C-alpha atoms as a PDB file:
ATOM      1  CA  MET A   1     -10.279  -1.796   5.976  1.00  0.00           C
ATOM      2  CA  THR A   2     -11.139  -5.417   8.017  1.00  0.00           C
ATOM      3  CA  TYR A   3      -9.280  -7.078  10.694  1.00  0.00           C
ATOM      4  CA  ALA A   4      -9.870 -10.616  11.863  1.00  0.00           C
ATOM      5  CA  VAL A   5      -8.296 -11.832  14.693  1.00  0.00           C
ATOM      6  CA  ALA A   6      -7.235 -15.292  15.493  1.00  0.00           C
ATOM      7  CA  PRO A   7      -8.647 -18.157  17.978  1.00  0.00           C
ATOM      8  CA  ARG A   8      -4.723 -17.304  20.658  1.00  0.00           C
ATOM      9  CA  ARG A   9      -5.648 -13.875  20.816  1.00  0.00           C
ATOM     10  CA  ARG A  10      -9.383 -14.239  21.946  1.00  0.00           C
ATOM     11  CA  LYS A  11      -8.014 -16.237  24.032  1.00  0.00           C
ATOM     12  CA  LEU A  12      -5.518 -13.994  25.807  1.00  0.00           C
ATOM     13  CA  LEU A  13      -8.565 -10.354  25.063  1.00  0.00           C
ATOM     14  CA  GLY A  14     -10.480 -12.962  27.641  1.00  0.00           C
ATOM     15  CA  TRP A  15      -7.630 -13.529  30.403  1.00  0.00           C
ATOM     16  CA  VAL A  16      -6.195  -9.540  30.104  1.00  0.00           C
ATOM     17  CA  PHE A  17     -10.151  -8.466  30.241  1.00  0.00           C
ATOM     18  CA  ALA A  18     -10.615 -10.765  32.765  1.00  0.00           C
ATOM     19  CA  ALA A  19      -7.902  -9.541  34.671  1.00  0.00           C
ATOM     20  CA  VAL A  20      -8.089  -5.911  34.433  1.00  0.00           C
ATOM     21  CA  ALA A  21     -11.904  -5.989  34.859  1.00  0.00           C
ATOM     22  CA  GLY A  22     -11.359  -8.189  38.681  1.00  0.00           C
ATOM     23  CA  ALA A  23      -9.414  -4.622  39.240  1.00  0.00           C
ATOM     24  CA  CYS A  24     -11.319  -2.455  38.544  1.00  0.00           C
ATOM     25  CA  ILE A  25     -14.254  -3.845  40.656  1.00  0.00           C
ATOM     26  CA  ALA A  26     -11.503  -4.486  43.336  1.00  0.00           C
ATOM     27  CA  SER A  27     -10.773  -0.578  43.033  1.00  0.00           C
ATOM     28  CA  VAL A  28     -13.688   1.897  43.981  1.00  0.00           C
ATOM     29  CA  GLY A  29     -14.418   4.940  42.293  1.00  0.00           C
ATOM     30  CA  VAL A  30     -13.023   3.101  38.973  1.00  0.00           C
ATOM     31  CA  SER A  31     -15.347   3.051  36.601  1.00  0.00           C
ATOM     32  CA  LEU A  32     -15.030  -1.259  34.096  1.00  0.00           C
ATOM     33  CA  SER A  33     -15.398   0.837  31.071  1.00  0.00           C
ATOM     34  CA  ALA A  34     -11.937   3.695  32.094  1.00  0.00           C
ATOM     35  CA  CYS A  35      -9.931   0.012  32.820  1.00  0.00           C
ATOM     36  CA  ALA A  36     -11.225  -1.399  30.400  1.00  0.00           C
ATOM     37  CA  SER A  37     -10.908   1.258  27.125  1.00  0.00           C
ATOM     38  CA  SER A  38      -7.095   0.787  28.307  1.00  0.00           C
ATOM     39  CA  THR A  39      -6.676  -2.921  26.646  1.00  0.00           C
ATOM     40  CA  PHE A  40      -8.530  -1.612  23.382  1.00  0.00           C
ATOM     41  CA  PRO A  41      -7.243  -1.968  20.557  1.00  0.00           C
ATOM     42  CA  PHE A  42      -6.878  -4.960  20.312  1.00  0.00           C
ATOM     43  CA  ILE A  43      -3.995  -6.498  17.497  1.00  0.00           C
ATOM     44  CA  PRO A  44      -6.073  -8.577  14.948  1.00  0.00           C
ATOM     45  CA  ASP A  45      -4.564 -11.312  13.117  1.00  0.00           C
ATOM     46  CA  HIS A  46      -4.456 -10.064   9.674  1.00  0.00           C
ATOM     47  CA  TYR A  47      -5.179  -6.134   8.127  1.00  0.00           C
ATOM     48  CA  THR A  48      -6.875  -6.547   4.785  1.00  0.00           C
ATOM     49  CA  PHE A  49      -7.157  -2.742   2.650  1.00  0.00           C
ATOM     50  CA  SER A  50     -10.157  -3.036  -0.084  1.00  0.00           C
ATOM     51  CA  ARG A  51      -9.188  -2.063  -3.736  1.00  0.00           C
ATOM     52  CA  GLN A  52     -11.281   1.500  -3.148  1.00  0.00           C
ATOM     53  CA  GLN A  53      -8.445   2.251  -0.188  1.00  0.00           C
ATOM     54  CA  ILE A  54      -5.555   1.625  -2.413  1.00  0.00           C
ATOM     55  CA  GLN A  55      -7.103   3.357  -5.527  1.00  0.00           C
ATOM     56  CA  THR A  56      -7.517   6.693  -2.671  1.00  0.00           C
ATOM     57  CA  ALA A  57      -3.751   5.863  -1.556  1.00  0.00           C
ATOM     58  CA  VAL A  58      -2.253   5.542  -5.040  1.00  0.00           C
ATOM     59  CA  ALA A  59      -4.041   8.445  -6.030  1.00  0.00           C
ATOM     60  CA  ARG A  60      -2.427  10.877  -4.049  1.00  0.00           C
ATOM     61  CA  LYS A  61       0.356  11.016  -6.354  1.00  0.00           C
ATOM     62  CA  PHE A  62      -1.205  11.726  -9.567  1.00  0.00           C
ATOM     63  CA  PRO A  63      -0.610  14.306 -11.409  1.00  0.00           C
ATOM     64  CA  TYR A  64       3.131  13.544 -11.827  1.00  0.00           C
ATOM     65  CA  HIS A  65       5.300  15.660 -14.465  1.00  0.00           C
ATOM     66  CA  ARG A  66       9.074  14.509 -15.150  1.00  0.00           C
ATOM     67  CA  THR A  67      11.576  15.180 -17.785  1.00  0.00           C
ATOM     68  CA  VAL A  68      13.798  12.093 -18.550  1.00  0.00           C
ATOM     69  CA  SER A  69      17.234  12.892 -19.465  1.00  0.00           C
ATOM     70  CA  GLN A  70      16.272  16.035 -21.192  1.00  0.00           C
ATOM     71  CA  LEU A  71      14.730  13.740 -24.342  1.00  0.00           C
ATOM     72  CA  PHE A  72      10.865  12.547 -22.540  1.00  0.00           C
ATOM     73  CA  ASP A  73       8.359  15.138 -21.164  1.00  0.00           C
ATOM     74  CA  VAL A  74       6.004  12.419 -19.525  1.00  0.00           C
ATOM     75  CA  ALA A  75       2.717  13.292 -18.093  1.00  0.00           C
ATOM     76  CA  LEU A  76       1.160  10.374 -15.846  1.00  0.00           C
ATOM     77  CA  THR A  77      -2.136  10.916 -14.817  1.00  0.00           C
ATOM     78  CA  ASN A  78      -6.108   8.593 -14.110  1.00  0.00           C
ATOM     79  CA  PRO A  79      -4.222   5.881 -12.336  1.00  0.00           C
ATOM     80  CA  VAL A  80      -6.258   3.232 -11.911  1.00  0.00           C
ATOM     81  CA  VAL A  81      -5.108   0.059  -9.222  1.00  0.00           C
ATOM     82  CA  GLY A  82      -5.560  -3.574  -9.915  1.00  0.00           C
ATOM     83  CA  PHE A  83      -4.047  -7.027  -8.384  1.00  0.00           C
ATOM     84  CA  GLU A  84      -2.036  -9.743 -10.185  1.00  0.00           C
ATOM     85  CA  PRO A  85      -2.678 -12.074  -7.201  1.00  0.00           C
ATOM     86  CA  GLY A  86      -0.381 -14.977  -9.601  1.00  0.00           C
ATOM     87  CA  SER A  87       2.428 -13.105  -8.883  1.00  0.00           C
ATOM     88  CA  ASN A  88       1.187 -11.408  -6.129  1.00  0.00           C
ATOM     89  CA  ARG A  89       1.765  -7.417  -7.755  1.00  0.00           C
ATOM     90  CA  VAL A  90      -0.468  -4.519  -7.343  1.00  0.00           C
ATOM     91  CA  THR A  91      -1.282  -2.609 -10.946  1.00  0.00           C
ATOM     92  CA  VAL A  92      -1.452   0.976 -11.881  1.00  0.00           C
ATOM     93  CA  HIS A  93      -2.209   2.208 -15.802  1.00  0.00           C
ATOM     94  CA  VAL A  94      -1.408   5.414 -15.993  1.00  0.00           C
ATOM     95  CA  ASP A  95      -2.365   7.818 -19.203  1.00  0.00           C
ATOM     96  CA  ALA A  96       0.151   9.242 -20.230  1.00  0.00           C
ATOM     97  CA  HIS A  97       1.159  12.618 -22.107  1.00  0.00           C
ATOM     98  CA  ILE A  98       4.604  12.626 -24.096  1.00  0.00           C
ATOM     99  CA  ALA A  99       6.563  15.045 -25.912  1.00  0.00           C
ATOM    100  CA  SER A 100      10.004  14.736 -26.949  1.00  0.00           C
ATOM    101  CA  PRO A 101      12.313  16.331 -29.844  1.00  0.00           C
ATOM    102  CA  PHE A 102      12.495  12.662 -30.916  1.00  0.00           C
ATOM    103  CA  LEU A 103       9.010  13.810 -32.298  1.00  0.00           C
ATOM    104  CA  GLN A 104       6.737  15.504 -34.579  1.00  0.00           C
ATOM    105  CA  GLN A 105       4.523  16.127 -31.984  1.00  0.00           C
ATOM    106  CA  PRO A 106       3.294  14.885 -28.436  1.00  0.00           C
ATOM    107  CA  VAL A 107       1.388  11.844 -28.413  1.00  0.00           C
ATOM    108  CA  ASP A 108      -0.612  10.436 -25.665  1.00  0.00           C
ATOM    109  CA  GLY A 109      -1.088   6.879 -24.241  1.00  0.00           C
ATOM    110  CA  GLY A 110      -0.777   4.840 -21.561  1.00  0.00           C
ATOM    111  CA  PHE A 111       1.681   3.108 -19.415  1.00  0.00           C
ATOM    112  CA  LEU A 112       0.860  -0.457 -17.242  1.00  0.00           C
ATOM    113  CA  LEU A 113       2.815  -0.402 -14.275  1.00  0.00           C
ATOM    114  CA  THR A 114       3.825  -3.069 -11.200  1.00  0.00           C
ATOM    115  CA  SER A 115       5.124  -3.292  -8.359  1.00  0.00           C
ATOM    116  CA  GLN A 116       5.594  -4.984  -4.759  1.00  0.00           C
ATOM    117  CA  LEU A 117       4.463  -4.634  -1.991  1.00  0.00           C
ATOM    118  CA  GLU A 118       6.410  -4.949   0.911  1.00  0.00           C
ATOM    119  CA  TYR A 119       6.730  -3.794   4.731  1.00  0.00           C
ATOM    120  CA  ASP A 120       9.318  -0.792   6.332  1.00  0.00           C
ATOM    121  CA  ALA A 121       9.901  -1.414   9.533  1.00  0.00           C
ATOM    122  CA  PRO A 122      11.478   2.120  10.282  1.00  0.00           C
ATOM    123  CA  THR A 123       8.150   4.046   9.302  1.00  0.00           C
ATOM    124  CA  HIS A 124       5.871   1.326  10.082  1.00  0.00           C
ATOM    125  CA  ALA A 125       3.988   1.180   6.720  1.00  0.00           C
ATOM    126  CA  VAL A 126       3.477  -1.256   3.827  1.00  0.00           C
ATOM    127  CA  VAL A 127       4.793   0.098   0.458  1.00  0.00           C
ATOM    128  CA  LEU A 128       5.166  -0.221  -2.758  1.00  0.00           C
ATOM    129  CA  ARG A 129       8.793  -1.630  -4.170  1.00  0.00           C
ATOM    130  CA  SER A 130      10.421  -2.109  -7.432  1.00  0.00           C
ATOM    131  CA  PRO A 131       7.941  -0.875  -9.321  1.00  0.00           C
ATOM    132  CA  SER A 132       8.356  -1.552 -13.520  1.00  0.00           C
ATOM    133  CA  VAL A 133       6.563  -1.064 -16.793  1.00  0.00           C
ATOM    134  CA  GLU A 134       5.458  -3.869 -17.801  1.00  0.00           C
ATOM    135  CA  ARG A 135       3.499  -2.351 -21.218  1.00  0.00           C
ATOM    136  CA  VAL A 136       3.282   0.708 -23.369  1.00  0.00           C
ATOM    137  CA  ASP A 137       0.429   1.513 -25.434  1.00  0.00           C
ATOM    138  CA  VAL A 138       1.038   4.539 -27.941  1.00  0.00           C
ATOM    139  CA  ASP A 139       0.050   5.081 -31.702  1.00  0.00           C
ATOM    140  CA  GLY A 140       1.103   6.511 -34.509  1.00  0.00           C
ATOM    141  CA  GLN A 141       5.429   7.593 -35.063  1.00  0.00           C
ATOM    142  CA  ALA A 142       5.311   7.033 -31.390  1.00  0.00           C
ATOM    143  CA  GLN A 143       5.514   3.482 -32.027  1.00  0.00           C
ATOM    144  CA  ALA A 144       9.111   3.673 -33.356  1.00  0.00           C
ATOM    145  CA  TYR A 145      10.419   4.572 -30.038  1.00  0.00           C
ATOM    146  CA  GLN A 146       8.481   2.678 -28.207  1.00  0.00           C
ATOM    147  CA  GLN A 147      11.460   0.573 -26.130  1.00  0.00           C
ATOM    148  CA  GLN A 148      12.632   4.589 -24.814  1.00  0.00           C
ATOM    149  CA  ILE A 149       9.549   5.720 -23.948  1.00  0.00           C
ATOM    150  CA  GLN A 150       8.998   2.388 -21.839  1.00  0.00           C
ATOM    151  CA  ALA A 151      12.860   2.943 -20.385  1.00  0.00           C
ATOM    152  CA  ALA A 152      12.213   6.554 -19.852  1.00  0.00           C
ATOM    153  CA  GLY A 153       8.423   5.677 -18.366  1.00  0.00           C
ATOM    154  CA  ALA A 154      10.642   2.714 -16.294  1.00  0.00           C
ATOM    155  CA  VAL A 155      12.637   5.650 -14.727  1.00  0.00           C
ATOM    156  CA  ALA A 156       9.339   8.003 -14.237  1.00  0.00           C
ATOM    157  CA  ALA A 157       8.109   4.976 -12.079  1.00  0.00           C
ATOM    158  CA  ALA A 158      10.421   4.595  -9.932  1.00  0.00           C
ATOM    159  CA  GLN A 159      10.749   8.398  -8.630  1.00  0.00           C
ATOM    160  CA  LEU A 160       7.407   8.043  -8.610  1.00  0.00           C
ATOM    161  CA  LEU A 161       6.715   4.835  -6.656  1.00  0.00           C
ATOM    162  CA  ASP A 162       9.511   3.300  -5.463  1.00  0.00           C
ATOM    163  CA  GLY A 163       8.766   3.396  -1.714  1.00  0.00           C
ATOM    164  CA  TYR A 164       6.181   4.778  -2.094  1.00  0.00           C
ATOM    165  CA  PRO A 165       3.332   4.269   0.936  1.00  0.00           C
ATOM    166  CA  ILE A 166      -0.092   2.938   0.481  1.00  0.00           C
ATOM    167  CA  TYR A 167      -0.784   2.290   4.429  1.00  0.00           C
ATOM    168  CA  THR A 168       1.010   3.554   7.836  1.00  0.00           C
ATOM    169  CA  PHE A 169       0.443   2.043  10.578  1.00  0.00           C
ATOM    170  CA  LYS A 170      -0.574   3.448  13.605  1.00  0.00           C
ATOM    171  CA  PRO A 171       1.674   2.534  16.954  1.00  0.00           C
ATOM    172  CA  GLU A 172      -1.554   1.099  19.298  1.00  0.00           C
ATOM    173  CA  GLN A 173      -2.272  -0.985  16.190  1.00  0.00           C
ATOM    174  CA  LEU A 174       0.924  -3.088  16.598  1.00  0.00           C
ATOM    175  CA  GLN A 175       1.057  -3.144  19.745  1.00  0.00           C
ATOM    176  CA  PHE A 176      -1.111  -5.021  23.117  1.00  0.00           C
ATOM    177  CA  ALA A 177      -1.281  -6.056  26.294  1.00  0.00           C
ATOM    178  CA  GLY A 178       3.157  -5.476  26.563  1.00  0.00           C
ATOM    179  CA  VAL A 179       3.460  -7.719  23.744  1.00  0.00           C
ATOM    180  CA  ASP A 180       5.081  -6.122  20.215  1.00  0.00           C
ATOM    181  CA  PHE A 181       3.980  -7.423  16.570  1.00  0.00           C
ATOM    182  CA  GLU A 182       4.567  -6.547  12.667  1.00  0.00           C
ATOM    183  CA  PRO A 183       3.285  -6.761   9.571  1.00  0.00           C
ATOM    184  CA  GLY A 184       4.149 -10.472   7.732  1.00  0.00           C
ATOM    185  CA  THR A 185       3.436 -11.968   4.700  1.00  0.00           C
ATOM    186  CA  ILE A 186       1.648  -9.472   2.509  1.00  0.00           C
ATOM    187  CA  THR A 187      -1.094 -11.577  -0.077  1.00  0.00           C
ATOM    188  CA  ILE A 188      -2.542 -10.349  -3.189  1.00  0.00           C
ATOM    189  CA  LEU A 189      -6.302 -10.592  -3.440  1.00  0.00           C
ATOM    190  CA  THR A 190      -8.893 -10.472  -6.244  1.00  0.00           C
ATOM    191  CA  ASN A 191     -10.128  -7.526  -4.928  1.00  0.00           C
ATOM    192  CA  GLY A 192      -7.284  -6.330  -1.794  1.00  0.00           C
ATOM    193  CA  ILE A 193      -4.673  -6.689   0.023  1.00  0.00           C
ATOM    194  CA  ARG A 194      -3.733  -9.062   2.943  1.00  0.00           C
ATOM    195  CA  VAL A 195      -1.674  -8.075   5.593  1.00  0.00           C
ATOM    196  CA  GLN A 196      -0.601 -10.571   8.188  1.00  0.00           C
ATOM    197  CA  ILE A 197       0.009  -9.460  11.422  1.00  0.00           C
ATOM    198  CA  VAL A 198       3.167 -11.585  13.502  1.00  0.00           C
ATOM    199  CA  GLU A 199       4.110 -11.788  17.150  1.00  0.00           C
ATOM    200  CA  LYS A 200       7.991  -9.797  16.870  1.00  0.00           C
END
């Protein structure tokens, strides 16, 4: 995770640090480093999360197994995270193993899931929101039931990923010098996710 600090906040940081340092120097027996530590960590103007960080977070939810409407037994494994900057969505491709009374034998295939990202204030987390199945890849006899399989995959995806946190902010990451901050605009990049930090 990387972060950047806006010029206004760098100036604020300088003022606060100077004031604290002055107070510390005037105080007998208190070191400058001890006083300075209370001003850090300071608040950046954004955080950037890499593909690997998001991949690691999403992978914790797998493997996943779900029986949908007692008709489709869906097992999802091997998630691979991607990004769609144009639509500002995260993609997750998963391998799928599907069994059903409709099928003579279980089939293997894949689902391409996409999801929005949203900040959930009560939990201080960036979460996946409203995941959907964009594509189903199955072979043979299962193709005749592709629509039903996609519907079953959508139910499984919603139960698996909707509201799932990919990053939870610590309290000290959203407060500095008595001022409260919160995540703002979330932007999907080609190789990561940028979360703006704004003053409340």
